Amino acid sequence: MSNQQPVDTAESKHLSNTGRAIPRRQVLKLGAAGAVLSALSPMLAAEAFARDPKEKPKGFPVYAPVPQSAMGPAVNQLGYHVGRVERNLYWVTDGTYQAAFLTTSDGVVLFDAPPTIGHNLQRAIDEIANANGVSNKVTYLVHSHHHADHVGASSLFGTDVVRIGHEETRRLLLRDNDPARPAPTETFADQRTLLIGGERIELAWHGSNHTPDNSFIHFPEHDALMLVDIVNAGWVPIYLVNLSEDIPGYVAAPATALTYPWTTLVSGHVGRLGTRDDVVVHQQYMADLDASIRTALTTVDPTPFFVNYGANSWAAIKGYLDAAADAGAAPVIAKYTGVLGAADVFTPSIAFWLMESIRLDLGYGSFVHP
């Protein structure tokens, strides 16, 4: 049984630095955006929550509405939602980040610990433990990869937790020396099967993608896969092809994901769980962008940029590459606006960096001087 004290549900306690209580309706409306802003800057978050929600700042770009299909369940008054994936596998989100946990006879196995969810991870676990009469003690923490935005709350669970991750995750966390992210004490190279409290979890590394250590976490007995920072269910990737270090590996990862048997995807972002159809739509989006970029690289003429800027070759190169990326992005934005969230927000950035990978990693459009 859970042995922790009930969680204080007063919203004003969590926003005490504003100097006044925040109406519940405004807390729910700000939701996940407030959680992310709090992680970036507590002072700015306090100002945002204190502002009248009907007031909109001036001078910001106007983007297309987010399609309803991209939206997830509303977070509660504490800023999180917890739900069942299958049986004793659960997921928790703040509307932008996601983690998962298994309740077992050997305690709770937590998968990632995003700092924007933070202490709400334990609150979500407590909620499930109290409802089901099981232990709320986190005994294992499995890393998807080393990035702080996904494991920056790891230290909240103390030093007795067994931390597990890829061997490269351990190396990178030892290098980073961040006390908020203790390195895994147990590692694997290519594959590892975890048997914890009668539950089976399959860990696998299929090569570099988003990061050199980003791993596949398969729950064969729960019909689920956790693959973080590859497919944002219902949304496009963000900057730099989801801030990926290996873009060809990133582009290939969804096909690998589809070789596993699963129905539900825990993707690490954003507000809802994913499906196999979400992965297919993501693949089509990336394929359309690839094709459009290749067309742009063969049709956008660099000559006017070099004529205009003369000796300033960097300005000419910037002008040409920006124009090619914009030309590649335009038809994809038109096709996916209303289909995927933020298609008009991030596709230009994705296009630029995918274009650079097509040029530099794949050699497309690399011409040899005669």
Protein backbone atom coordinates (compact mmCIF):
# COMPACT_ATOMS: atom_id res chain seq x y z
CA MET A 1 0.00 0.00 0.00
CA SER A 2 1.05 3.60 -0.50
CA ASN A 3 2.55 5.04 2.67
CA GLN A 4 2.97 8.65 1.58
CA GLN A 5 0.89 11.56 2.80
CA PRO A 6 -1.89 12.85 0.55
CA VAL A 7 -0.77 15.46 -1.95
CA ASP A 8 -1.75 19.06 -1.24
CA THR A 9 -4.01 20.05 -4.12
CA ALA A 10 -4.03 23.81 -3.49
CA GLU A 11 -2.89 25.49 -6.72
CA SER A 12 -1.76 28.62 -4.91
CA LYS A 13 0.88 26.63 -3.00
CA HIS A 14 2.65 25.83 -6.27
CA LEU A 15 2.47 29.44 -7.43
CA SER A 16 3.18 31.19 -4.15
CA ASN A 17 5.91 33.39 -5.59
CA THR A 18 3.31 35.39 -7.52
CA GLY A 19 2.13 36.89 -4.27
CA ARG A 20 -1.49 35.92 -4.77
CA ALA A 21 -3.61 32.85 -5.37
CA ILE A 22 -4.23 31.92 -9.00
CA PRO A 23 -7.77 31.05 -10.06
CA ARG A 24 -8.20 27.34 -10.80
CA ARG A 25 -9.63 28.07 -14.26
CA GLN A 26 -6.50 29.99 -15.23
CA VAL A 27 -4.22 27.21 -13.97
CA LEU A 28 -6.05 24.67 -16.12
CA LYS A 29 -6.04 26.97 -19.14
CA LEU A 30 -2.28 27.58 -18.96
CA GLY A 31 -1.72 23.87 -18.40
CA ALA A 32 1.31 22.38 -20.09
CA ALA A 33 2.64 25.71 -21.34
CA GLY A 34 2.97 26.80 -17.73
CA ALA A 35 4.79 23.61 -16.83
CA VAL A 36 7.38 24.10 -19.56
CA LEU A 37 7.74 27.81 -18.82
CA SER A 38 8.25 27.03 -15.14
CA ALA A 39 11.15 24.75 -16.04
CA LEU A 40 12.73 27.41 -18.22
CA SER A 41 12.24 30.34 -15.87
CA PRO A 42 10.26 30.28 -12.60
CA MET A 43 10.11 34.09 -12.49
CA LEU A 44 8.69 34.35 -16.00
CA ALA A 45 6.23 31.57 -15.21
CA ALA A 46 5.00 33.44 -12.16
CA GLU A 47 4.38 36.55 -14.27
CA ALA A 48 2.56 34.51 -16.92
CA PHE A 49 0.24 32.90 -14.38
CA ALA A 50 -0.48 36.26 -12.74
CA ARG A 51 -1.51 37.85 -16.02
CA ASP A 52 -5.18 38.09 -16.99
CA PRO A 53 -5.71 35.09 -19.32
CA LYS A 54 -7.87 37.24 -21.63
CA GLU A 55 -4.92 39.54 -22.34
CA LYS A 56 -2.82 38.49 -25.32
CA PRO A 57 0.67 39.94 -25.80
CA LYS A 58 1.16 42.06 -28.91
CA GLY A 59 3.53 41.53 -31.79
CA PHE A 60 3.69 37.72 -31.90
CA PRO A 61 3.38 35.69 -35.13
CA VAL A 62 -0.03 34.22 -35.85
CA TYR A 63 -0.07 30.48 -36.57
CA ALA A 64 -2.72 28.04 -37.71
CA PRO A 65 -4.91 26.48 -35.02
CA VAL A 66 -3.73 23.17 -33.60
CA PRO A 67 -5.89 20.35 -35.03
CA GLN A 68 -8.10 18.70 -32.46
CA SER A 69 -6.59 15.33 -33.37
CA ALA A 70 -3.28 16.49 -31.89
CA MET A 71 -4.75 17.32 -28.50
CA GLY A 72 -4.58 15.08 -25.45
CA PRO A 73 -6.51 14.86 -22.21
CA ALA A 74 -6.69 17.89 -19.94
CA VAL A 75 -4.25 18.01 -17.04
CA ASN A 76 -5.61 18.23 -13.51
CA GLN A 77 -5.32 21.20 -11.16
CA LEU A 78 -1.78 20.16 -10.23
CA GLY A 79 -0.71 20.17 -13.87
CA TYR A 80 -0.56 16.49 -14.80
CA HIS A 81 -2.64 13.69 -16.28
CA VAL A 82 -2.07 10.02 -15.48
CA GLY A 83 -3.74 7.22 -17.38
CA ARG A 84 -3.54 3.51 -18.03
CA VAL A 85 -1.77 2.25 -21.13
CA GLU A 86 -2.48 -1.44 -20.51
CA ARG A 87 -3.01 -3.31 -17.22
CA ASN A 88 -0.34 -2.05 -14.81
CA LEU A 89 1.52 0.16 -17.31
CA TYR A 90 0.66 3.85 -16.96
CA TRP A 91 1.70 7.10 -18.57
CA VAL A 92 1.89 10.59 -17.13
CA THR A 93 2.05 13.90 -18.98
CA ASP A 94 2.06 17.62 -18.31
CA GLY A 95 0.64 18.17 -21.79
CA THR A 96 4.07 18.52 -23.40
CA TYR A 97 6.36 15.89 -21.86
CA GLN A 98 5.62 12.25 -21.08
CA ALA A 99 6.92 9.50 -18.81
CA ALA A 100 5.67 6.00 -18.06
CA PHE A 101 5.68 3.63 -15.09
CA LEU A 102 4.94 0.01 -14.26
CA THR A 103 3.57 -1.02 -10.88
CA THR A 104 5.02 -4.41 -9.91
CA SER A 105 5.47 -6.67 -6.89
CA ASP A 106 9.06 -5.36 -6.73
CA GLY A 107 8.01 -1.71 -6.65
CA VAL A 108 7.52 0.87 -9.37
CA VAL A 109 9.62 0.94 -12.54
CA LEU A 110 9.78 4.51 -13.85
CA PHE A 111 10.66 5.24 -17.46
CA ASP A 112 12.23 8.72 -17.75
CA ALA A 113 11.81 11.59 -15.31
CA PRO A 114 11.12 14.87 -17.15
CA PRO A 115 11.76 17.89 -14.89
CA THR A 116 8.69 19.73 -16.22
CA ILE A 117 6.62 16.95 -14.65
CA GLY A 118 8.98 16.83 -11.68
CA HIS A 119 7.32 16.07 -8.33
CA ASN A 120 4.10 15.32 -10.19
CA LEU A 121 5.68 12.01 -11.20
CA GLN A 122 5.46 10.81 -7.60
CA ARG A 123 2.00 12.33 -7.23
CA ALA A 124 0.81 10.41 -10.29
CA ILE A 125 2.35 7.20 -8.93
CA ASP A 126 0.73 7.84 -5.55
CA GLU A 127 -2.64 8.33 -7.22
CA ILE A 128 -2.43 4.97 -8.98
CA ALA A 129 -0.94 3.19 -5.96
CA ASN A 130 -3.66 4.46 -3.65
CA ALA A 131 -6.37 3.45 -6.10
CA ASN A 132 -5.00 -0.06 -6.61
CA GLY A 133 -3.49 -0.91 -3.23
CA VAL A 134 0.05 -1.37 -4.58
CA SER A 135 3.48 0.00 -3.65
CA ASN A 136 4.27 3.59 -4.60
CA LYS A 137 8.02 3.22 -4.11
CA VAL A 138 10.12 3.76 -7.23
CA THR A 139 12.75 1.03 -7.22
CA TYR A 140 13.97 1.22 -10.85
CA LEU A 141 14.43 4.11 -13.27
CA VAL A 142 15.00 3.30 -16.95
CA HIS A 143 16.48 5.98 -19.22
CA SER A 144 15.38 6.47 -22.81
CA HIS A 145 18.48 8.64 -23.33
CA HIS A 146 20.64 11.17 -21.47
CA HIS A 147 19.00 14.52 -22.25
CA ALA A 148 18.12 16.65 -19.24
CA ASP A 149 14.63 17.48 -20.47
CA HIS A 150 13.71 13.79 -20.12
CA VAL A 151 15.66 12.70 -17.02
CA GLY A 152 16.33 15.98 -15.21
CA ALA A 153 14.11 14.92 -12.27
CA SER A 154 15.93 11.62 -11.74
CA SER A 155 17.61 12.77 -8.52
CA LEU A 156 14.20 13.26 -6.88
CA PHE A 157 14.02 9.49 -6.43
CA GLY A 158 17.14 9.19 -4.31
CA THR A 159 20.24 7.06 -4.43
CA ASP A 160 18.65 3.67 -3.72
CA VAL A 161 16.91 3.50 -7.09
CA VAL A 162 18.48 1.13 -9.63
CA ARG A 163 19.10 3.23 -12.73
CA ILE A 164 19.31 1.42 -16.06
CA GLY A 165 20.29 2.74 -19.48
CA HIS A 166 22.42 2.26 -22.55
CA GLU A 167 26.18 2.21 -21.98
CA GLU A 168 26.47 5.45 -23.93
CA THR A 169 23.87 7.03 -21.65
CA ARG A 170 26.11 6.23 -18.70
CA ARG A 171 29.18 7.63 -20.45
CA LEU A 172 27.43 10.86 -21.40
CA LEU A 173 25.92 11.40 -17.95
CA LEU A 174 29.27 10.81 -16.27
CA ARG A 175 30.74 13.34 -18.67
CA ASP A 176 27.99 15.88 -17.99
CA ASN A 177 28.36 15.48 -14.21
CA ASP A 178 24.87 16.84 -13.52
CA PRO A 179 23.74 16.02 -9.97
CA ALA A 180 20.11 16.08 -11.16
CA ARG A 181 20.89 13.16 -13.51
CA PRO A 182 22.79 10.36 -11.75
CA ALA A 183 24.31 7.98 -14.29
CA PRO A 184 22.85 4.48 -14.74
CA THR A 185 24.56 1.82 -12.64
CA GLU A 186 23.32 -0.97 -14.91
CA THR A 187 23.84 -0.74 -18.66
CA PHE A 188 23.38 -2.64 -21.90
CA ALA A 189 25.07 -2.45 -25.31
CA ASP A 190 22.60 -3.74 -27.91
CA GLN A 191 19.76 -5.51 -26.12
CA ARG A 192 18.66 -6.37 -22.62
CA THR A 193 15.58 -8.07 -21.18
CA LEU A 194 14.44 -6.82 -17.79
CA LEU A 195 12.39 -9.16 -15.60
CA ILE A 196 11.10 -7.12 -12.68
CA GLY A 197 8.25 -8.20 -10.42
CA GLY A 198 7.00 -10.66 -13.00
CA GLU A 199 6.99 -8.08 -15.80
CA ARG A 200 9.11 -8.19 -18.96
CA ILE A 201 10.64 -5.12 -20.56
CA GLU A 202 12.81 -5.32 -23.68
CA LEU A 203 15.50 -2.66 -24.12
CA ALA A 204 17.25 -2.25 -27.46
CA TRP A 205 19.66 0.10 -29.17
CA HIS A 206 19.37 0.21 -32.95
CA GLY A 207 22.05 2.80 -33.61
CA SER A 208 22.30 6.54 -33.28
CA ASN A 209 19.20 8.61 -34.05
CA HIS A 210 18.00 11.58 -32.01
CA THR A 211 21.05 11.04 -29.82
CA PRO A 212 23.84 8.46 -29.86
CA ASP A 213 22.15 6.63 -26.96
CA ASN A 214 18.42 6.92 -27.69
CA SER A 215 16.88 3.50 -26.99
CA PHE A 216 13.75 1.52 -27.82
CA ILE A 217 11.75 0.35 -24.78
CA HIS A 218 9.29 -2.41 -25.65
CA PHE A 219 6.55 -3.72 -23.38
CA PRO A 220 5.58 -6.99 -25.10
CA GLU A 221 3.05 -7.95 -22.43
CA HIS A 222 1.42 -4.51 -22.57
CA ASP A 223 1.24 -4.05 -26.36
CA ALA A 224 3.24 -0.81 -26.10
CA LEU A 225 6.47 0.82 -27.23
CA MET A 226 8.28 3.80 -25.72
CA LEU A 227 10.44 5.67 -28.22
CA VAL A 228 11.26 9.22 -27.25
CA ASP A 229 12.00 12.27 -29.41
CA ILE A 230 11.30 10.62 -32.75
CA VAL A 231 7.56 10.83 -33.51
CA ASN A 232 5.60 13.58 -31.79
CA ALA A 233 2.13 12.05 -32.01
CA GLY A 234 -0.15 14.46 -33.84
CA TRP A 235 2.56 17.08 -34.28
CA VAL A 236 5.55 17.81 -36.49
CA PRO A 237 9.05 17.63 -35.00
CA ILE A 238 10.55 20.79 -33.55
CA TYR A 239 13.73 22.67 -34.49
CA LEU A 240 16.60 20.86 -36.20
CA VAL A 241 14.55 17.73 -36.93
CA ASN A 242 13.67 17.31 -33.25
CA LEU A 243 17.12 18.53 -32.19
CA SER A 244 18.59 15.33 -33.57
CA GLU A 245 22.31 14.66 -33.72
CA ASP A 246 22.01 11.97 -36.42
CA ILE A 247 19.37 12.94 -38.97
CA PRO A 248 19.66 9.84 -41.20
CA GLY A 249 19.32 7.72 -38.05
CA TYR A 250 16.35 9.79 -36.95
CA VAL A 251 14.63 9.37 -40.33
CA ALA A 252 15.18 5.59 -40.21
CA ALA A 253 14.00 5.07 -36.61
CA PRO A 254 10.21 5.01 -37.29
CA ALA A 255 10.58 2.08 -39.69
CA THR A 256 12.43 0.20 -36.97
CA ALA A 257 9.66 1.06 -34.51
CA LEU A 258 7.07 -0.47 -36.84
CA THR A 259 8.92 -3.80 -36.86
CA TYR A 260 7.89 -4.25 -33.21
CA PRO A 261 4.42 -5.52 -32.28
CA TRP A 262 2.62 -2.78 -30.41
CA THR A 263 -0.58 -0.74 -30.43
CA THR A 264 0.27 2.20 -28.14
CA LEU A 265 3.27 4.51 -28.41
CA VAL A 266 4.69 6.57 -25.53
CA SER A 267 6.63 9.17 -27.48
CA GLY A 268 8.00 11.46 -24.76
CA HIS A 269 6.06 14.38 -26.30
CA VAL A 270 3.36 15.83 -26.47
CA GLY A 271 -0.12 15.57 -24.89
CA ARG A 272 -1.48 12.22 -26.00
CA LEU A 273 -0.39 8.66 -26.64
CA GLY A 274 0.52 7.63 -30.16
CA THR A 275 -0.63 4.95 -32.57
CA ARG A 276 0.90 3.10 -35.49
CA ASP A 277 -1.02 5.46 -37.78
CA ASP A 278 0.76 8.40 -36.14
CA VAL A 279 4.09 6.84 -37.05
CA VAL A 280 2.98 6.32 -40.66
CA VAL A 281 1.82 9.95 -40.95
CA HIS A 282 5.15 11.11 -39.53
CA GLN A 283 7.00 8.98 -42.09
CA GLN A 284 4.92 10.45 -44.91
CA TYR A 285 5.56 13.99 -43.66
CA MET A 286 9.32 13.39 -43.62
CA ALA A 287 9.22 11.66 -47.04
CA ASP A 288 7.25 14.53 -48.57
CA LEU A 289 9.70 17.02 -47.12
CA ASP A 290 12.66 15.02 -48.44
CA ALA A 291 11.19 14.91 -51.96
CA SER A 292 10.32 18.62 -51.90
CA ILE A 293 13.80 19.57 -50.73
CA ARG A 294 15.44 17.51 -53.47
CA THR A 295 13.30 19.36 -56.02
CA ALA A 296 14.26 22.70 -54.50
CA LEU A 297 17.97 21.87 -54.60
CA THR A 298 17.73 21.28 -58.34
CA THR A 299 15.45 24.22 -59.19
CA VAL A 300 16.46 27.15 -56.96
CA ASP A 301 19.17 29.04 -58.83
CA PRO A 302 22.08 30.17 -56.61
CA THR A 303 23.43 32.60 -59.23
CA PRO A 304 21.43 35.72 -58.23
CA PHE A 305 22.62 35.44 -54.62
CA PHE A 306 26.29 35.31 -55.59
CA VAL A 307 25.88 38.15 -58.11
CA ASN A 308 24.09 40.29 -55.52
CA TYR A 309 26.49 39.76 -52.62
CA GLY A 310 29.73 39.70 -54.57
CA ALA A 311 32.71 39.09 -52.28
CA ASN A 312 30.45 38.31 -49.31
CA SER A 313 30.19 34.62 -50.09
CA TRP A 314 28.69 33.73 -46.69
CA ALA A 315 25.75 36.08 -47.36
CA ALA A 316 25.27 34.50 -50.78
CA ILE A 317 25.36 30.99 -49.37
CA LYS A 318 22.92 31.93 -46.61
CA GLY A 319 20.55 33.51 -49.09
CA TYR A 320 20.64 30.50 -51.41
CA LEU A 321 20.26 27.82 -48.71
CA ASP A 322 17.48 29.74 -46.97
CA ALA A 323 15.64 30.12 -50.28
CA ALA A 324 16.03 26.42 -51.08
CA ALA A 325 14.81 25.40 -47.63
CA ASP A 326 11.82 27.74 -47.86
CA ALA A 327 10.96 26.39 -51.30
CA GLY A 328 11.16 22.85 -49.97
CA ALA A 329 9.04 23.67 -46.94
CA ALA A 330 6.22 25.57 -48.64
CA PRO A 331 4.22 22.71 -50.22
CA VAL A 332 4.66 20.56 -47.13
CA ILE A 333 3.33 23.31 -44.88
CA ALA A 334 0.32 23.64 -47.17
CA LYS A 335 -0.33 19.88 -47.12
CA TYR A 336 0.04 19.28 -43.39
CA THR A 337 -1.45 22.42 -41.85
CA GLY A 338 -4.59 21.16 -40.13
CA VAL A 339 -3.23 17.60 -40.16
CA LEU A 340 -0.23 17.92 -37.83
CA GLY A 341 0.13 20.49 -35.09
CA ALA A 342 2.65 23.31 -35.72
CA ALA A 343 3.25 22.36 -39.36
CA ASP A 344 3.52 26.07 -40.14
CA VAL A 345 5.67 26.75 -37.06
CA PHE A 346 8.57 24.32 -37.38
CA THR A 347 8.60 22.98 -40.93
CA PRO A 348 10.97 25.73 -42.20
CA SER A 349 13.55 24.79 -39.56
CA ILE A 350 13.07 21.07 -40.16
CA ALA A 351 13.42 21.65 -43.90
CA PHE A 352 16.71 23.50 -43.53
CA TRP A 353 18.37 20.84 -41.41
CA LEU A 354 16.95 17.92 -43.38
CA MET A 355 18.27 19.66 -46.50
CA GLU A 356 21.71 19.96 -44.95
CA SER A 357 21.66 16.27 -44.06
CA ILE A 358 20.57 15.37 -47.60
CA ARG A 359 23.46 17.47 -48.93
CA LEU A 360 26.19 16.62 -46.44
CA ASP A 361 25.33 13.13 -45.15
CA LEU A 362 23.82 11.70 -48.33
CA GLY A 363 25.78 13.73 -50.89
CA TYR A 364 22.75 14.82 -52.90
CA GLY A 365 23.44 17.92 -54.98
CA SER A 366 27.18 17.74 -54.34
CA PHE A 367 28.72 18.75 -57.64
CA VAL A 368 32.37 18.29 -58.58
CA HIS A 369 33.98 21.21 -60.35
CA PRO A 370 34.88 20.29 -63.94
